[in-house]
C-alpha atoms as a PDB file:
ATOM      1  CA  MET A   1      -0.028   0.206  -0.103  1.00  0.00           C
ATOM      2  CA  THR A   2       0.960   3.366  -0.768  1.00  0.00           C
ATOM      3  CA  PRO A   3       1.318   5.713   2.435  1.00  0.00           C
ATOM      4  CA  ILE A   4      -1.239   8.423   2.107  1.00  0.00           C
ATOM      5  CA  CYS A   5      -0.380  11.793   4.048  1.00  0.00           C
ATOM      6  CA  VAL A   6      -3.357  14.237   4.630  1.00  0.00           C
ATOM      7  CA  VAL A   7      -1.604  18.023   5.016  1.00  0.00           C
ATOM      8  CA  ASP A   8      -2.825  21.034   5.679  1.00  0.00           C
ATOM      9  CA  THR A   9      -1.084  24.331   6.515  1.00  0.00           C
ATOM     10  CA  GLU A  10      -2.109  27.644   7.907  1.00  0.00           C
ATOM     11  CA  THR A  11      -0.025  30.401   6.223  1.00  0.00           C
ATOM     12  CA  ASP A  12       0.831  34.265   6.037  1.00  0.00           C
ATOM     13  CA  GLY A  13      -1.672  34.950   3.031  1.00  0.00           C
ATOM     14  CA  LEU A  14      -1.985  33.790  -0.458  1.00  0.00           C
ATOM     15  CA  HIS A  15       0.814  35.598  -1.618  1.00  0.00           C
ATOM     16  CA  GLN A  16       3.924  34.498  -3.568  1.00  0.00           C
ATOM     17  CA  GLY A  17       6.473  33.531  -0.948  1.00  0.00           C
ATOM     18  CA  ARG A  18       3.881  32.954   1.760  1.00  0.00           C
ATOM     19  CA  ARG A  19       4.961  31.349   4.845  1.00  0.00           C
ATOM     20  CA  ILE A  20       3.488  28.610   6.964  1.00  0.00           C
ATOM     21  CA  TRP A  21       2.916  29.062  10.847  1.00  0.00           C
ATOM     22  CA  GLU A  22       0.848  26.079  11.357  1.00  0.00           C
ATOM     23  CA  VAL A  23       1.282  22.301  10.081  1.00  0.00           C
ATOM     24  CA  ALA A  24      -1.032  19.386  10.430  1.00  0.00           C
ATOM     25  CA  MET A  25       0.032  15.959   8.982  1.00  0.00           C
ATOM     26  CA  ILE A  26      -2.051  12.569   9.180  1.00  0.00           C
ATOM     27  CA  ARG A  27      -0.016   9.543   7.792  1.00  0.00           C
ATOM     28  CA  ARG A  28      -1.578   6.043   7.170  1.00  0.00           C
ATOM     29  CA  ASP A  29       0.554   3.502   6.102  1.00  0.00           C
ATOM     30  CA  ASP A  30       1.362  -0.302   7.153  1.00  0.00           C
ATOM     31  CA  GLU A  31       2.189   0.821  10.790  1.00  0.00           C
ATOM     32  CA  GLY A  32      -1.303   1.965  11.104  1.00  0.00           C
ATOM     33  CA  GLU A  33      -2.252   6.051  11.244  1.00  0.00           C
ATOM     34  CA  ARG A  34      -0.709   8.586  13.090  1.00  0.00           C
ATOM     35  CA  GLU A  35      -1.020  12.520  13.196  1.00  0.00           C
ATOM     36  CA  ARG A  36       1.274  15.259  14.082  1.00  0.00           C
ATOM     37  CA  SER A  37       0.504  18.994  14.331  1.00  0.00           C
ATOM     38  CA  PHE A  38       2.864  22.083  15.166  1.00  0.00           C
ATOM     39  CA  PHE A  39       3.532  25.687  14.833  1.00  0.00           C
ATOM     40  CA  VAL A  40       6.034  27.134  13.175  1.00  0.00           C
ATOM     41  CA  GLY A  41       7.975  30.318  14.100  1.00  0.00           C
ATOM     42  CA  LEU A  42       7.164  33.245  11.908  1.00  0.00           C
ATOM     43  CA  ASP A  43       8.635  36.571  10.805  1.00  0.00           C
ATOM     44  CA  MET A  44       5.760  38.622  10.462  1.00  0.00           C
ATOM     45  CA  ARG A  45       7.751  41.390   8.394  1.00  0.00           C
ATOM     46  CA  TYR A  46       6.132  40.455   5.304  1.00  0.00           C
ATOM     47  CA  SER A  47       3.082  38.331   6.181  1.00  0.00           C
ATOM     48  CA  ASP A  48      -0.609  39.845   5.192  1.00  0.00           C
ATOM     49  CA  LEU A  49      -2.863  40.676   8.130  1.00  0.00           C
ATOM     50  CA  LYS A  50      -5.881  39.312   6.261  1.00  0.00           C
ATOM     51  CA  GLY A  51      -4.090  35.975   5.733  1.00  0.00           C
ATOM     52  CA  LEU A  52      -3.377  35.760   9.519  1.00  0.00           C
ATOM     53  CA  GLU A  53      -6.502  36.563  10.447  1.00  0.00           C
ATOM     54  CA  ILE A  54      -8.153  33.855   8.545  1.00  0.00           C
ATOM     55  CA  GLY A  55      -6.133  31.213  10.547  1.00  0.00           C
ATOM     56  CA  ARG A  56      -6.891  32.983  13.709  1.00  0.00           C
ATOM     57  CA  PHE A  57      -3.047  33.540  13.798  1.00  0.00           C
ATOM     58  CA  PHE A  58      -3.342  36.268  16.825  1.00  0.00           C
ATOM     59  CA  ASP A  59      -5.371  33.885  18.963  1.00  0.00           C
ATOM     60  CA  ARG A  60      -3.953  30.315  18.361  1.00  0.00           C
ATOM     61  CA  HIS A  61      -0.307  30.859  17.789  1.00  0.00           C
ATOM     62  CA  PRO A  62       2.112  31.460  20.652  1.00  0.00           C
ATOM     63  CA  SER A  63       4.089  34.522  19.091  1.00  0.00           C
ATOM     64  CA  GLY A  64       0.641  35.881  17.584  1.00  0.00           C
ATOM     65  CA  ARG A  65      -0.882  35.766  21.059  1.00  0.00           C
ATOM     66  CA  LYS A  66       2.206  37.596  22.381  1.00  0.00           C
ATOM     67  CA  VAL A  67       1.971  40.526  20.116  1.00  0.00           C
ATOM     68  CA  SER A  68      -1.480  40.780  20.567  1.00  0.00           C
ATOM     69  CA  GLY A  69      -1.182  41.176  24.484  1.00  0.00           C
ATOM     70  CA  LYS A  70      -3.087  37.727  25.128  1.00  0.00           C
ATOM     71  CA  ASP A  71      -2.176  35.175  27.726  1.00  0.00           C
ATOM     72  CA  PRO A  72       0.028  32.256  26.481  1.00  0.00           C
ATOM     73  CA  LEU A  73      -1.888  29.107  25.920  1.00  0.00           C
ATOM     74  CA  PRO A  74      -0.512  25.839  27.421  1.00  0.00           C
ATOM     75  CA  GLY A  75       1.475  23.662  24.998  1.00  0.00           C
ATOM     76  CA  LEU A  76       4.815  23.705  23.129  1.00  0.00           C
ATOM     77  CA  PRO A  77       6.961  26.387  21.756  1.00  0.00           C
ATOM     78  CA  PRO A  78       6.710  26.795  17.785  1.00  0.00           C
ATOM     79  CA  LEU A  79       9.353  24.784  16.380  1.00  0.00           C
ATOM     80  CA  CYS A  80      11.991  26.514  14.315  1.00  0.00           C
ATOM     81  CA  LYS A  81      12.010  26.556  10.511  1.00  0.00           C
ATOM     82  CA  HIS A  82      14.976  23.784  10.573  1.00  0.00           C
ATOM     83  CA  ASP A  83      13.366  21.669  12.962  1.00  0.00           C
ATOM     84  CA  ALA A  84       9.863  22.110  11.303  1.00  0.00           C
ATOM     85  CA  ALA A  85      11.282  21.016   7.854  1.00  0.00           C
ATOM     86  CA  ARG A  86      12.968  18.019   9.185  1.00  0.00           C
ATOM     87  CA  GLU A  87       9.631  16.661  10.677  1.00  0.00           C
ATOM     88  CA  ILE A  88       7.702  17.343   7.397  1.00  0.00           C
ATOM     89  CA  MET A  89      10.278  15.624   5.282  1.00  0.00           C
ATOM     90  CA  GLN A  90      10.399  12.265   7.771  1.00  0.00           C
ATOM     91  CA  PHE A  91       6.718  12.462   7.902  1.00  0.00           C
ATOM     92  CA  THR A  92       5.713  12.660   4.424  1.00  0.00           C
ATOM     93  CA  PHE A  93       8.673  10.648   2.958  1.00  0.00           C
ATOM     94  CA  GLY A  94       7.087   8.313   0.260  1.00  0.00           C
ATOM     95  CA  ALA A  95       3.731   9.095   0.659  1.00  0.00           C
ATOM     96  CA  GLN A  96       0.838  10.604  -1.520  1.00  0.00           C
ATOM     97  CA  LEU A  97      -0.147  13.924  -0.314  1.00  0.00           C
ATOM     98  CA  VAL A  98      -3.899  14.109   0.173  1.00  0.00           C
ATOM     99  CA  GLY A  99      -5.730  17.549   1.226  1.00  0.00           C
ATOM    100  CA  ALA A 100      -7.910  20.148   0.164  1.00  0.00           C
ATOM    101  CA  VAL A 101      -6.337  21.973  -2.540  1.00  0.00           C
ATOM    102  CA  PRO A 102      -2.829  20.029  -1.725  1.00  0.00           C
ATOM    103  CA  SER A 103      -0.866  21.926  -4.307  1.00  0.00           C
ATOM    104  CA  PHE A 104      -1.214  25.047  -2.259  1.00  0.00           C
ATOM    105  CA  ASP A 105       0.218  23.328   0.775  1.00  0.00           C
ATOM    106  CA  ALA A 106       2.773  21.274  -1.292  1.00  0.00           C
ATOM    107  CA  GLU A 107       4.174  24.339  -2.663  1.00  0.00           C
ATOM    108  CA  GLY A 108       4.543  25.997   0.881  1.00  0.00           C
ATOM    109  CA  LEU A 109       5.954  22.882   2.526  1.00  0.00           C
ATOM    110  CA  ALA A 110       8.116  22.453  -0.446  1.00  0.00           C
ATOM    111  CA  GLY A 111       9.534  26.077  -0.222  1.00  0.00           C
ATOM    112  CA  LEU A 112      10.166  25.353   3.746  1.00  0.00           C
ATOM    113  CA  LEU A 113      11.862  22.335   3.110  1.00  0.00           C
ATOM    114  CA  ARG A 114      14.178  23.701   0.442  1.00  0.00           C
ATOM    115  CA  SER A 115      15.019  26.729   2.465  1.00  0.00           C
ATOM    116  CA  GLU A 116      16.418  24.483   5.370  1.00  0.00           C
ATOM    117  CA  GLY A 117      18.126  22.106   3.042  1.00  0.00           C
ATOM    118  CA  TYR A 118      15.530  19.381   2.933  1.00  0.00           C
ATOM    119  CA  LEU A 119      13.913  18.079   0.047  1.00  0.00           C
ATOM    120  CA  PRO A 120      10.317  17.024  -0.687  1.00  0.00           C
ATOM    121  CA  ALA A 121      10.092  13.546  -1.265  1.00  0.00           C
ATOM    122  CA  TRP A 122       6.506  12.736  -1.415  1.00  0.00           C
ATOM    123  CA  LYS A 123       5.201  11.075  -4.309  1.00  0.00           C
ATOM    124  CA  HIS A 124       4.299  13.504  -7.204  1.00  0.00           C
ATOM    125  CA  ARG A 125       0.858  13.128  -7.815  1.00  0.00           C
ATOM    126  CA  LEU A 126      -1.409  14.826  -5.093  1.00  0.00           C
ATOM    127  CA  ARG A 127      -4.909  13.839  -4.536  1.00  0.00           C
ATOM    128  CA  CYS A 128      -7.430  16.896  -3.677  1.00  0.00           C
ATOM    129  CA  VAL A 129     -10.543  15.813  -1.615  1.00  0.00           C
ATOM    130  CA  GLU A 130     -12.302  18.724  -3.312  1.00  0.00           C
ATOM    131  CA  THR A 131     -11.758  17.540  -6.821  1.00  0.00           C
ATOM    132  CA  LEU A 132     -12.484  13.920  -5.685  1.00  0.00           C
ATOM    133  CA  THR A 133     -15.934  14.937  -4.190  1.00  0.00           C
ATOM    134  CA  SER A 134     -16.966  16.695  -7.237  1.00  0.00           C
ATOM    135  CA  GLY A 135     -16.475  13.613  -9.165  1.00  0.00           C
ATOM    136  CA  PHE A 136     -17.911  11.489  -6.793  1.00  0.00           C
ATOM    137  CA  LEU A 137     -21.308  13.365  -6.655  1.00  0.00           C
ATOM    138  CA  ARG A 138     -20.968  14.256 -10.187  1.00  0.00           C
ATOM    139  CA  ARG A 139     -21.189  17.840  -9.835  1.00  0.00           C
ATOM    140  CA  GLU A 140     -19.506  21.099  -8.760  1.00  0.00           C
ATOM    141  CA  VAL A 141     -19.421  21.090  -4.942  1.00  0.00           C
ATOM    142  CA  GLY A 142     -16.817  23.862  -3.655  1.00  0.00           C
ATOM    143  CA  GLY A 143     -14.676  24.289  -0.716  1.00  0.00           C
ATOM    144  CA  LEU A 144     -13.923  21.962   2.272  1.00  0.00           C
ATOM    145  CA  ARG A 145     -16.935  22.912   4.108  1.00  0.00           C
ATOM    146  CA  ASP A 146     -19.160  22.538   1.085  1.00  0.00           C
ATOM    147  CA  CYS A 147     -17.679  19.202   0.338  1.00  0.00           C
ATOM    148  CA  ALA A 148     -18.238  17.968   4.101  1.00  0.00           C
ATOM    149  CA  GLU A 149     -21.807  19.325   4.055  1.00  0.00           C
ATOM    150  CA  ALA A 150     -22.612  17.611   0.568  1.00  0.00           C
ATOM    151  CA  LEU A 151     -21.505  14.388   2.078  1.00  0.00           C
ATOM    152  CA  GLY A 152     -23.463  14.678   5.250  1.00  0.00           C
ATOM    153  CA  LEU A 153     -20.451  15.121   7.429  1.00  0.00           C
ATOM    154  CA  ASP A 154     -20.104  17.436  10.401  1.00  0.00           C
ATOM    155  CA  PHE A 155     -17.474  19.875   9.949  1.00  0.00           C
ATOM    156  CA  PRO A 156     -17.580  22.084  13.350  1.00  0.00           C
ATOM    157  CA  GLN A 157     -16.987  25.838  12.673  1.00  0.00           C
ATOM    158  CA  ASP A 158     -14.334  26.157  15.460  1.00  0.00           C
ATOM    159  CA  VAL A 159     -11.840  23.559  13.656  1.00  0.00           C
ATOM    160  CA  GLN A 160     -12.292  25.484  10.267  1.00  0.00           C
ATOM    161  CA  HIS A 161      -9.075  26.930   8.938  1.00  0.00           C
ATOM    162  CA  THR A 162      -6.935  25.036  11.825  1.00  0.00           C
ATOM    163  CA  ALA A 163      -4.519  22.753  10.244  1.00  0.00           C
ATOM    164  CA  LEU A 164      -5.385  19.984  12.413  1.00  0.00           C
ATOM    165  CA  GLY A 165      -9.186  20.397  11.746  1.00  0.00           C
ATOM    166  CA  ASP A 166      -8.856  20.840   8.282  1.00  0.00           C
ATOM    167  CA  ALA A 167      -6.635  17.735   7.696  1.00  0.00           C
ATOM    168  CA  ARG A 168      -9.060  15.356  10.039  1.00  0.00           C
ATOM    169  CA  MET A 169     -12.126  16.660   7.890  1.00  0.00           C
ATOM    170  CA  ALA A 170     -10.109  15.914   4.602  1.00  0.00           C
ATOM    171  CA  LEU A 171      -9.357  12.620   5.869  1.00  0.00           C
ATOM    172  CA  GLN A 172     -12.964  12.178   6.534  1.00  0.00           C
ATOM    173  CA  ILE A 173     -13.892  13.221   2.919  1.00  0.00           C
ATOM    174  CA  TRP A 174     -11.378  11.077   1.563  1.00  0.00           C
ATOM    175  CA  ASP A 175     -12.499   8.143   3.620  1.00  0.00           C
ATOM    176  CA  ALA A 176     -16.513   8.984   2.528  1.00  0.00           C
ATOM    177  CA  VAL A 177     -15.357   8.937  -1.113  1.00  0.00           C
ATOM    178  CA  MET A 178     -12.817   6.547  -1.370  1.00  0.00           C
ATOM    179  CA  THR A 179     -14.546   3.850   0.470  1.00  0.00           C
ATOM    180  CA  ASP A 180     -17.981   4.800  -1.083  1.00  0.00           C
ATOM    181  CA  GLY A 181     -19.062   5.489   2.393  1.00  0.00           C
ATOM    182  CA  ALA A 182     -21.156   8.683   1.743  1.00  0.00           C
ATOM    183  CA  GLN A 183     -24.722   8.795   2.024  1.00  0.00           C
END
């Protein structure tokens, strides 16, 4: 079985050269299923404020909370870019990337890996759950939330635009479509 790795990232915008500040990965292979998520340190100098607001950077990321005057949340500090890149390469190595518009995430992940001396080593064919859902239902559906709703899946508002929440929803959609489990 070719391993799959569902990925999602939160970034500082949609612009060229955007940077990742949150990563979630769920890997399935012969050893089972495991997930990994973490924040990445971010220099906000070239960030897009709207991009940061969509993922709730100032409410969820330790640095975002600090600069916005909020108390820290319990949890681990953000990983430095080098440690994040190493984790990403190891976790995605040899896997088929799956996600909601995984080309967006793969481009950002590849940029981070290369900037830190690592190499993207996932399979070159990406699998988009939004495209798969449209094909499965034989109609245009839309984004991740629209796909979940069209398949009868619950997608709580509070986890949308969190890397782990979006990755978990993408995996549920993958399972519904690829196992013909949709209602």
